[in-house]
Protein backbone atom coordinates (compact mmCIF):
# COMPACT_ATOMS: atom_id res chain seq x y z
CA MET A 1 76.01 2.83 20.92
CA PRO A 2 73.31 2.32 23.62
CA PRO A 3 70.48 4.85 22.94
CA ARG A 4 70.45 8.18 25.57
CA THR A 5 68.24 7.73 28.45
CA ASN A 6 68.42 11.37 29.67
CA GLY A 7 68.93 14.86 28.34
CA ILE A 8 66.82 17.69 26.91
CA GLU A 9 67.35 18.99 23.55
CA ILE A 10 67.65 22.77 23.38
CA GLU A 11 65.26 23.93 20.63
CA SER A 12 66.16 27.53 20.89
CA VAL A 13 68.67 30.30 22.34
CA ILE A 14 67.18 33.94 22.87
CA PRO A 15 69.89 36.13 21.01
CA GLY A 16 71.59 38.35 24.03
CA GLY A 17 70.11 35.98 26.71
CA PRO A 18 72.26 34.34 29.59
CA ALA A 19 72.31 30.83 27.90
CA GLU A 20 73.42 32.38 24.49
CA LYS A 21 76.28 34.55 26.46
CA GLY A 22 77.18 31.41 28.47
CA GLY A 23 78.02 29.41 25.33
CA LEU A 24 74.97 27.27 25.00
CA ARG A 25 73.25 26.76 21.24
CA ARG A 26 70.65 25.27 19.58
CA GLY A 27 70.98 21.56 19.17
CA ASP A 28 73.13 20.91 22.57
CA ILE A 29 71.64 18.31 24.69
CA ILE A 30 71.64 19.12 28.59
CA THR A 31 72.11 16.15 30.45
CA SER A 32 72.94 17.30 33.93
CA LEU A 33 71.89 20.76 35.49
CA ASN A 34 73.44 21.44 39.08
CA ARG A 35 74.31 17.66 39.11
CA HIS A 36 70.68 16.57 38.70
CA PRO A 37 70.17 14.09 35.41
CA MET A 38 67.60 15.98 33.04
CA HIS A 39 64.95 14.13 31.84
CA ASP A 40 62.49 16.57 30.69
CA VAL A 41 61.64 20.36 30.88
CA ILE A 42 60.16 19.57 34.54
CA ASP A 43 63.63 18.82 36.02
CA PHE A 44 65.43 21.60 34.15
CA MET A 45 62.36 24.01 36.05
CA PHE A 46 62.54 22.16 39.40
CA TYR A 47 66.43 22.48 39.63
CA LYS A 48 67.14 25.64 37.97
CA SER A 49 68.76 28.36 40.27
CA GLU A 50 70.50 31.69 39.68
CA GLU A 51 73.68 29.45 39.44
CA LEU A 52 73.48 27.03 36.91
CA ASP A 53 76.45 24.20 36.18
CA ILE A 54 75.42 22.50 32.99
CA GLU A 55 76.71 19.47 31.46
CA PHE A 56 75.65 18.92 28.23
CA LEU A 57 76.47 17.12 24.69
CA ARG A 58 77.50 18.79 21.50
CA ALA A 59 77.92 16.52 18.37
CA GLY A 60 78.24 13.76 20.88
CA ALA A 61 81.14 15.69 23.06
CA LYS A 62 80.83 16.30 26.73
CA LYS A 63 80.91 19.84 27.66
CA LYS A 64 80.39 22.06 30.79
CA LEU A 65 79.62 25.52 31.73
CA ARG A 66 78.44 27.76 34.37
CA ILE A 67 75.80 30.32 33.85
CA ILE A 68 74.33 33.13 36.37
CA ALA A 69 70.99 34.18 35.55
CA GLU A 70 70.73 37.38 37.06
CA GLY A 71 67.81 38.79 38.04
CA GLY A 72 65.48 35.56 38.13
CA ASN A 73 65.70 31.90 36.75
CA ASP A 74 64.88 32.79 33.06
CA ILE A 75 68.35 31.75 31.01
CA GLY A 76 66.50 32.60 27.74
CA LEU A 77 66.16 29.08 26.01
CA THR A 78 63.44 26.78 25.20
CA VAL A 79 63.64 23.17 24.47
CA LYS A 80 61.91 20.67 22.34
CA PRO A 81 58.98 18.68 24.06
CA PHE A 82 58.96 15.33 25.42
CA LYS A 83 57.40 12.32 24.35
CA VAL A 84 54.30 12.10 25.69
CA LYS A 85 52.74 9.13 27.42
CA THR A 86 49.59 7.80 25.66
CA CYS A 87 46.62 6.48 26.62
CA ARG A 88 45.79 2.91 27.12
CA ASN A 89 42.27 2.92 28.21
CA ASN A 90 39.41 2.45 25.64
CA CYS A 91 36.52 4.90 27.22
CA ILE A 92 33.04 4.54 25.93
CA PHE A 93 32.86 8.48 25.66
CA CYS A 94 36.39 8.92 24.47
CA PHE A 95 36.28 12.05 22.10
CA VAL A 96 39.47 11.15 20.05
CA LYS A 97 37.49 7.87 18.98
CA GLN A 98 34.82 9.89 17.58
CA LEU A 99 36.92 12.13 15.64
CA PRO A 100 36.60 11.62 11.58
CA LYS A 101 39.67 11.89 9.36
CA GLY A 102 40.85 14.89 7.85
CA LEU A 103 42.00 16.74 10.94
CA ARG A 104 45.35 17.94 12.16
CA ARG A 105 47.52 15.05 13.40
CA SER A 106 47.77 16.00 16.93
CA LEU A 107 44.03 15.61 17.72
CA TYR A 108 44.44 12.29 17.38
CA VAL A 109 46.81 11.97 20.15
CA LYS A 110 45.23 10.34 23.26
CA ASP A 111 47.23 11.57 26.03
CA GLU A 112 47.77 10.22 29.33
CA ASP A 113 50.74 12.04 30.91
CA TYR A 114 51.09 13.41 34.48
CA ARG A 115 53.48 16.32 33.02
CA LEU A 116 50.92 17.51 30.75
CA SER A 117 48.64 17.46 33.25
CA PHE A 118 50.76 19.72 35.86
CA LEU A 119 52.06 21.93 33.27
CA TYR A 120 49.02 22.58 31.00
CA GLY A 121 46.05 21.24 33.08
CA ASN A 122 45.20 18.12 30.66
CA TYR A 123 43.10 15.63 32.34
CA MET A 124 44.48 12.04 33.28
CA THR A 125 42.78 8.92 34.88
CA LEU A 126 45.84 7.73 36.68
CA SER A 127 45.71 4.32 34.96
CA ASN A 128 49.43 3.88 33.66
CA MET A 129 51.39 5.63 36.49
CA ASP A 130 54.21 3.44 37.95
CA PRO A 131 56.07 3.89 41.51
CA LYS A 132 58.62 6.08 39.91
CA ASP A 133 55.96 8.65 38.52
CA LYS A 134 54.39 8.85 41.77
CA LYS A 135 57.95 9.46 43.74
CA ARG A 136 58.59 12.31 41.27
CA ILE A 137 55.09 13.99 41.69
CA VAL A 138 56.06 13.85 45.44
CA GLU A 139 59.51 15.08 45.75
CA GLN A 140 59.22 17.75 42.84
CA ARG A 141 55.73 18.87 44.58
CA LEU A 142 53.96 18.70 40.90
CA SER A 143 50.73 20.43 41.89
CA PRO A 144 47.99 21.01 41.09
CA LEU A 145 47.11 17.64 38.84
CA PHE A 146 43.78 17.19 36.81
CA ILE A 147 42.06 14.11 37.29
CA SER A 148 39.49 12.28 35.16
CA VAL A 149 37.30 10.38 37.99
CA HIS A 150 34.04 9.98 36.50
CA THR A 151 32.82 7.66 39.26
CA THR A 152 34.62 6.18 42.59
CA ASN A 153 32.80 2.83 41.98
CA ARG A 154 35.72 0.70 40.82
CA THR A 155 33.63 -1.63 38.72
CA LEU A 156 31.84 1.00 37.02
CA ARG A 157 34.82 3.25 36.62
CA ASN A 158 36.98 0.50 34.98
CA ARG A 159 34.04 -0.38 32.34
CA MET A 160 33.58 3.39 31.59
CA ILE A 161 37.22 3.66 30.82
CA GLY A 162 37.30 0.16 29.24
CA ASN A 163 40.37 -0.95 31.13
CA PRO A 164 39.63 -3.93 33.89
CA LYS A 165 43.04 -3.82 35.30
CA ALA A 166 42.78 0.16 36.06
CA PRO A 167 43.59 0.62 39.55
CA ASP A 168 41.26 1.86 42.27
CA ILE A 169 40.98 5.70 41.68
CA MET A 170 40.09 6.39 45.65
CA ARG A 171 42.97 4.39 46.68
CA GLU A 172 45.41 6.88 43.81
CA LEU A 173 43.93 9.75 45.15
CA ARG A 174 44.60 9.00 48.78
CA PHE A 175 48.42 8.63 47.85
CA PHE A 176 48.53 12.04 46.73
CA THR A 177 46.21 13.82 48.99
CA ASP A 178 48.14 12.15 51.51
CA ASN A 179 51.48 13.60 50.23
CA LYS A 180 49.68 17.30 50.13
CA ILE A 181 49.36 17.02 46.12
CA ARG A 182 46.34 19.08 45.40
CA VAL A 183 44.18 17.81 42.55
CA HIS A 184 41.20 19.23 40.46
CA THR A 185 38.74 16.52 39.46
CA GLN A 186 35.90 15.90 36.49
CA ILE A 187 33.13 13.79 36.43
CA VAL A 188 32.25 13.22 32.59
CA LEU A 189 28.54 12.35 32.94
CA CYS A 190 27.10 9.80 31.01
CA PRO A 191 22.89 9.16 31.10
CA GLY A 192 22.35 5.73 32.65
CA TYR A 193 25.89 5.09 33.77
CA ASN A 194 27.48 7.19 36.40
CA ASP A 195 24.36 9.90 37.11
CA GLY A 196 21.78 9.79 39.65
CA ARG A 197 23.06 8.00 43.04
CA GLU A 198 26.22 6.98 41.22
CA LEU A 199 27.10 11.02 41.15
CA GLN A 200 26.06 11.29 44.81
CA ASN A 201 28.03 8.92 46.03
CA THR A 202 31.39 9.87 43.78
CA ILE A 203 30.56 13.14 45.17
CA ARG A 204 30.55 12.33 48.63
CA ASP A 205 33.66 10.18 48.11
CA LEU A 206 35.67 13.18 46.51
CA HIS A 207 34.62 15.24 49.55
CA LYS A 208 36.34 12.88 52.29
CA LEU A 209 39.70 14.19 50.15
CA TYR A 210 39.03 18.02 50.61
CA PRO A 211 40.94 20.33 50.64
CA TYR A 212 43.29 18.25 48.44
CA VAL A 213 40.62 17.28 46.26
CA ALA A 214 40.25 21.20 45.66
CA SER A 215 37.31 20.96 42.66
CA ILE A 216 35.00 18.55 41.30
CA ALA A 217 33.54 19.67 37.61
CA VAL A 218 30.51 17.87 36.50
CA VAL A 219 30.28 17.87 32.73
CA PRO A 220 28.15 16.30 30.44
CA VAL A 221 29.54 13.79 27.93
CA GLY A 222 30.33 15.12 24.70
CA LEU A 223 28.91 13.43 21.57
CA THR A 224 29.87 13.68 17.54
CA ALA A 225 28.00 12.29 14.59
CA HIS A 226 30.89 10.31 13.71
CA GLY A 227 30.90 7.94 16.94
CA ARG A 228 28.98 5.12 18.05
CA HIS A 229 27.80 5.51 21.81
CA PRO A 230 26.07 3.04 24.38
CA PHE A 231 23.84 5.88 25.57
CA ASP A 232 21.63 8.49 24.70
CA PRO A 233 22.86 12.26 24.30
CA PHE A 234 22.25 14.37 27.23
CA SER A 235 18.97 15.71 27.31
CA LYS A 236 17.42 18.89 29.12
CA GLY A 237 16.19 16.54 32.01
CA ASP A 238 19.48 14.95 32.25
CA ALA A 239 21.17 18.35 32.85
CA ALA A 240 18.36 19.66 35.09
CA SER A 241 18.77 16.45 37.20
CA ALA A 242 22.48 17.05 37.50
CA ILE A 243 22.19 20.80 38.50
CA LYS A 244 19.96 19.77 41.11
CA THR A 245 22.14 17.04 42.67
CA VAL A 246 25.22 19.65 42.43
CA GLU A 247 23.22 22.37 44.02
CA SER A 248 22.24 20.35 47.15
CA PHE A 249 25.64 19.58 47.63
CA GLN A 250 27.02 23.05 46.96
CA LYS A 251 24.54 24.45 49.79
CA ARG A 252 26.14 22.06 52.56
CA PHE A 253 29.75 22.40 51.37
CA LYS A 254 29.53 26.38 51.31
CA LYS A 255 28.13 25.96 54.85
CA ARG A 256 30.76 23.85 56.04
CA HIS A 257 33.60 25.12 53.89
CA GLY A 258 32.81 28.32 52.53
CA ASP A 259 33.50 26.56 49.32
CA SER A 260 31.24 25.29 46.87
CA ILE A 261 34.16 22.39 45.99
CA VAL A 262 31.73 20.92 43.35
CA TYR A 263 30.48 22.65 40.07
CA CYS A 264 28.46 22.37 36.84
CA ALA A 265 30.26 23.07 33.66
CA ASP A 266 28.61 25.70 31.64
CA GLU A 267 27.05 23.66 28.79
CA MET A 268 24.52 21.98 31.80
CA TYR A 269 22.74 25.43 32.44
CA ILE A 270 22.81 25.96 28.81
CA LYS A 271 21.32 22.49 28.05
CA ALA A 272 18.78 22.74 30.67
CA GLY A 273 17.80 26.34 30.31
CA HIS A 274 18.75 27.26 33.97
CA PRO A 275 20.31 30.51 34.67
CA PHE A 276 23.84 30.59 35.88
CA PRO A 277 24.88 31.04 39.31
CA PRO A 278 26.65 34.41 40.48
CA LEU A 279 30.05 34.50 39.18
CA ARG A 280 31.26 34.84 43.19
CA GLU A 281 29.98 31.13 43.56
CA TYR A 282 32.75 30.06 41.12
CA GLY A 283 35.33 31.05 43.96
CA MET A 284 38.42 31.31 42.16
CA LEU A 285 37.37 29.88 38.96
CA PRO A 286 39.83 26.65 39.53
CA GLN A 287 38.14 24.97 36.39
CA ILE A 288 37.63 27.56 33.85
CA GLU A 289 39.65 25.78 31.14
CA ASN A 290 36.96 23.01 31.58
CA GLY A 291 34.32 25.33 30.51
CA VAL A 292 33.16 25.78 34.51
CA GLY A 293 32.49 29.33 35.01
CA MET A 294 33.52 30.69 31.74
CA VAL A 295 30.36 32.21 30.19
CA PRO A 296 29.41 33.61 33.83
CA LEU A 297 32.81 35.38 33.67
CA PHE A 298 31.94 36.62 30.31
CA ILE A 299 29.11 38.05 31.05
CA SER A 300 30.40 39.90 34.29
CA GLN A 301 33.22 41.18 32.34
CA SER A 302 30.90 42.44 29.35
CA ARG A 303 29.05 45.00 31.93
CA LYS A 304 32.22 46.61 32.44
CA VAL A 305 34.35 46.59 29.15
CA LYS A 306 34.26 50.10 27.06
CA LEU A 307 36.11 50.74 23.65
CA PRO A 308 39.29 52.27 24.49
CA LEU A 309 38.89 55.13 22.25
CA PRO A 310 36.33 58.19 22.26
CA LYS A 311 33.27 57.58 20.30
CA GLU A 312 33.82 60.26 17.94
CA SER A 313 37.31 58.53 16.77
CA ALA A 314 35.43 55.02 16.67
CA PRO A 315 35.75 53.54 13.64
CA GLY A 316 32.75 53.68 10.92
CA GLY A 317 31.16 50.69 9.21
CA ALA A 318 30.31 47.22 10.33
CA PHE A 319 32.28 44.37 11.88
CA LEU A 320 31.23 40.69 11.56
CA THR A 321 31.94 37.89 13.98
CA PHE A 322 30.91 34.21 14.90
CA THR A 323 30.26 31.67 17.41
CA GLY A 324 29.11 28.39 18.42
CA THR A 325 25.10 27.76 18.90
CA SER A 326 25.41 27.57 22.60
CA PHE A 327 27.29 30.84 23.08
CA TYR A 328 25.39 33.04 20.24
CA PRO A 329 22.72 34.36 22.93
CA PHE A 330 25.76 35.94 25.01
CA LEU A 331 27.91 37.16 22.55
CA LYS A 332 24.83 38.77 20.84
CA LYS A 333 23.89 40.57 23.86
CA PHE A 334 27.21 41.86 24.31
CA ALA A 335 27.52 42.98 20.69
CA ASP A 336 23.88 44.49 20.97
CA ARG A 337 25.75 46.98 24.14
CA LEU A 338 28.48 47.70 22.35
CA SER A 339 26.19 49.20 19.49
CA GLU A 340 23.90 50.96 21.84
CA LYS A 341 26.69 52.21 24.19
CA GLU A 342 29.58 52.44 22.06
CA GLY A 343 28.22 53.31 18.76
CA VAL A 344 29.87 50.32 16.80
CA GLU A 345 28.12 47.98 15.01
CA ILE A 346 28.89 44.15 15.35
CA ASP A 347 26.99 41.75 13.49
CA VAL A 348 27.15 38.02 14.94
CA THR A 349 27.05 34.91 12.84
CA GLU A 350 25.73 31.56 14.61
CA VAL A 351 27.45 28.71 13.33
CA GLU A 352 26.07 25.12 13.58
CA ASN A 353 28.65 22.51 13.73
CA ASN A 354 27.85 20.26 10.72
CA PHE A 355 31.21 18.71 10.54
CA PHE A 356 30.87 17.05 14.25
CA GLY A 357 27.27 17.16 14.42
CA PRO A 358 24.81 19.81 16.12
CA THR A 359 24.96 18.16 19.52
CA VAL A 360 28.56 19.92 19.58
CA SER A 361 27.81 23.44 20.00
CA VAL A 362 31.20 25.30 21.50
CA THR A 363 33.11 27.69 19.51
CA GLY A 364 36.54 25.79 20.07
CA LEU A 365 35.17 22.78 18.13
CA LEU A 366 33.93 24.64 14.87
CA THR A 367 35.57 23.96 11.27
CA GLY A 368 36.76 26.70 9.25
CA ARG A 369 34.56 24.78 6.46
CA ASP A 370 31.38 25.46 8.54
CA ILE A 371 32.43 28.91 9.34
CA ILE A 372 32.84 29.51 5.54
CA ARG A 373 29.56 27.93 4.86
CA SER A 374 27.54 30.22 7.44
CA LEU A 375 29.40 33.37 6.17
CA HIS A 376 28.48 32.66 2.48
CA ASP A 377 24.73 33.43 3.86
CA VAL A 378 26.00 36.98 5.29
CA THR A 379 25.23 39.81 3.34
CA GLY A 380 26.58 43.58 3.60
CA PRO A 381 30.12 45.41 3.86
CA TYR A 382 32.21 45.21 6.94
CA ARG A 383 35.53 46.55 7.97
CA ALA A 384 36.56 43.06 9.35
CA LEU A 385 35.96 39.74 10.55
CA LEU A 386 36.88 39.29 14.02
CA VAL A 387 37.85 35.34 14.63
CA PRO A 388 38.01 34.44 18.27
CA ASP A 389 41.16 32.50 19.17
CA ALA A 390 39.27 29.90 21.17
CA ALA A 391 38.53 28.24 17.65
CA LEU A 392 42.05 28.52 16.36
CA LYS A 393 45.23 26.65 17.26
CA GLU A 394 47.04 28.07 20.03
CA ASP A 395 50.18 28.67 18.22
CA GLU A 396 48.78 29.09 14.48
CA ASP A 397 46.06 30.61 12.49
CA VAL A 398 44.44 27.26 11.65
CA PHE A 399 41.21 25.76 12.34
CA LEU A 400 40.67 22.00 13.43
CA ASP A 401 40.45 21.01 9.85
CA GLY A 402 43.31 22.81 8.52
CA VAL A 403 41.79 25.77 7.23
CA SER A 404 43.75 28.92 7.62
CA LEU A 405 42.76 32.69 8.33
CA ARG A 406 43.83 33.08 5.05
CA ASP A 407 41.80 30.65 3.43
CA ILE A 408 38.82 32.35 5.20
CA GLU A 409 40.18 35.59 3.62
CA GLU A 410 40.12 34.48 0.26
CA ALA A 411 36.56 32.57 0.56
CA THR A 412 34.79 35.58 2.26
CA GLY A 413 36.81 38.73 0.84
CA LEU A 414 36.83 40.11 4.49
CA LYS A 415 39.56 40.96 6.36
CA ALA A 416 40.25 38.23 9.11
CA VAL A 417 41.77 39.30 12.38
CA ARG A 418 42.55 36.95 15.26
CA THR A 419 40.89 38.45 18.59
CA GLU A 420 41.15 37.21 22.29
CA ALA A 421 37.59 35.58 23.06
CA THR A 422 36.84 38.11 25.69
CA PRO A 423 34.78 41.54 26.09
CA GLN A 424 37.94 43.36 26.34
CA GLY A 425 39.46 41.31 23.45
CA LEU A 426 36.99 41.74 21.08
CA ALA A 427 36.78 45.86 21.95
CA ASP A 428 40.52 46.14 21.83
CA ALA A 429 40.30 44.50 18.20
CA ILE A 430 37.89 46.73 16.99
CA ALA A 431 39.95 49.93 18.51
CA GLY A 432 42.91 48.59 16.85
CA LEU A 433 41.19 48.75 13.40
CA LYS A 434 40.13 52.42 13.85
């Protein structure tokens, strides 16, 4: 029997929803929706309507049914993830290659998949696309996409991504922008490679494709203690130089378009010791998930947040939380404000990243072991340990190294509470523990 080339398997069906009422079950394989073959969840999303004619397989037998999705397109089911296309590049700065053994298996997957770019904002290099992929992106309007450019100098780019056969990135981008597909781009800045004049040329080239190249993020290369690097770590001077270059373009773009277009990652300002631009300069925060504008947004929100309970009913006793070294000053300032204005004491522990090395300073890359090690030095009674969700797996209370919240509780003797990594999220968690 030849292998099945299309179809999406139902992972779960919500009880009482249209899918269950219509007769679908977990394990059914949807092969066609409204006469369109199904290959992945994007096909299902694109061809959905209020009236769904579904062909599916159940235990190998072909079946058909019709479902009416009254009041919307959510029919109450989830499908199994598609097989991810992986990266064939050999980037000189690849973070996955810098990972030591012993982390979650999913962290070692080098994805290069336009579907993940569209669905979740994952960056891709456009180095493994075929004509069918491009045609589908245009036909189904899979926009925006998130593209790692690094440099528009083809020779240099192919050397940086370790792929001499990679296509010309400007030609690939023009195809999408000519077809009105919006893209957000990033430049991972590597000292001695794509900085200086190369950075200026790359920004100029990408600007030619505005507004469909909707934003450009300039991000300092991330280096761990476990990799071999053909360049020096990003320095304070490198950061200051990049900021100067970006700000010169921002002024021109703002004057011409009313849009800054190009932005430095927050880490760049922290490394340089420069103040952040006002939050309004980040526009709609198009690359906040890439660390662009995240700290300025936190600072802005922290000035407005209030504890959602009156002071007289505020919980007694202190709370404890932690963060990476780069964000520590900002979280500490917010905690001090809560203590002064709201009468709630929060101690903040700064956790240095021993696992990846001190140059990795963000909270999202802290391991449970480093957190436990840092908390062992903390003394005093606490009501609870507030754990920022940025340090945990999205759908599970587990850190990068597999340490769980339960492990943290056993090691510290504290109740560990997952909290949203925002000022209001921290305040809401405190209120919930009154």
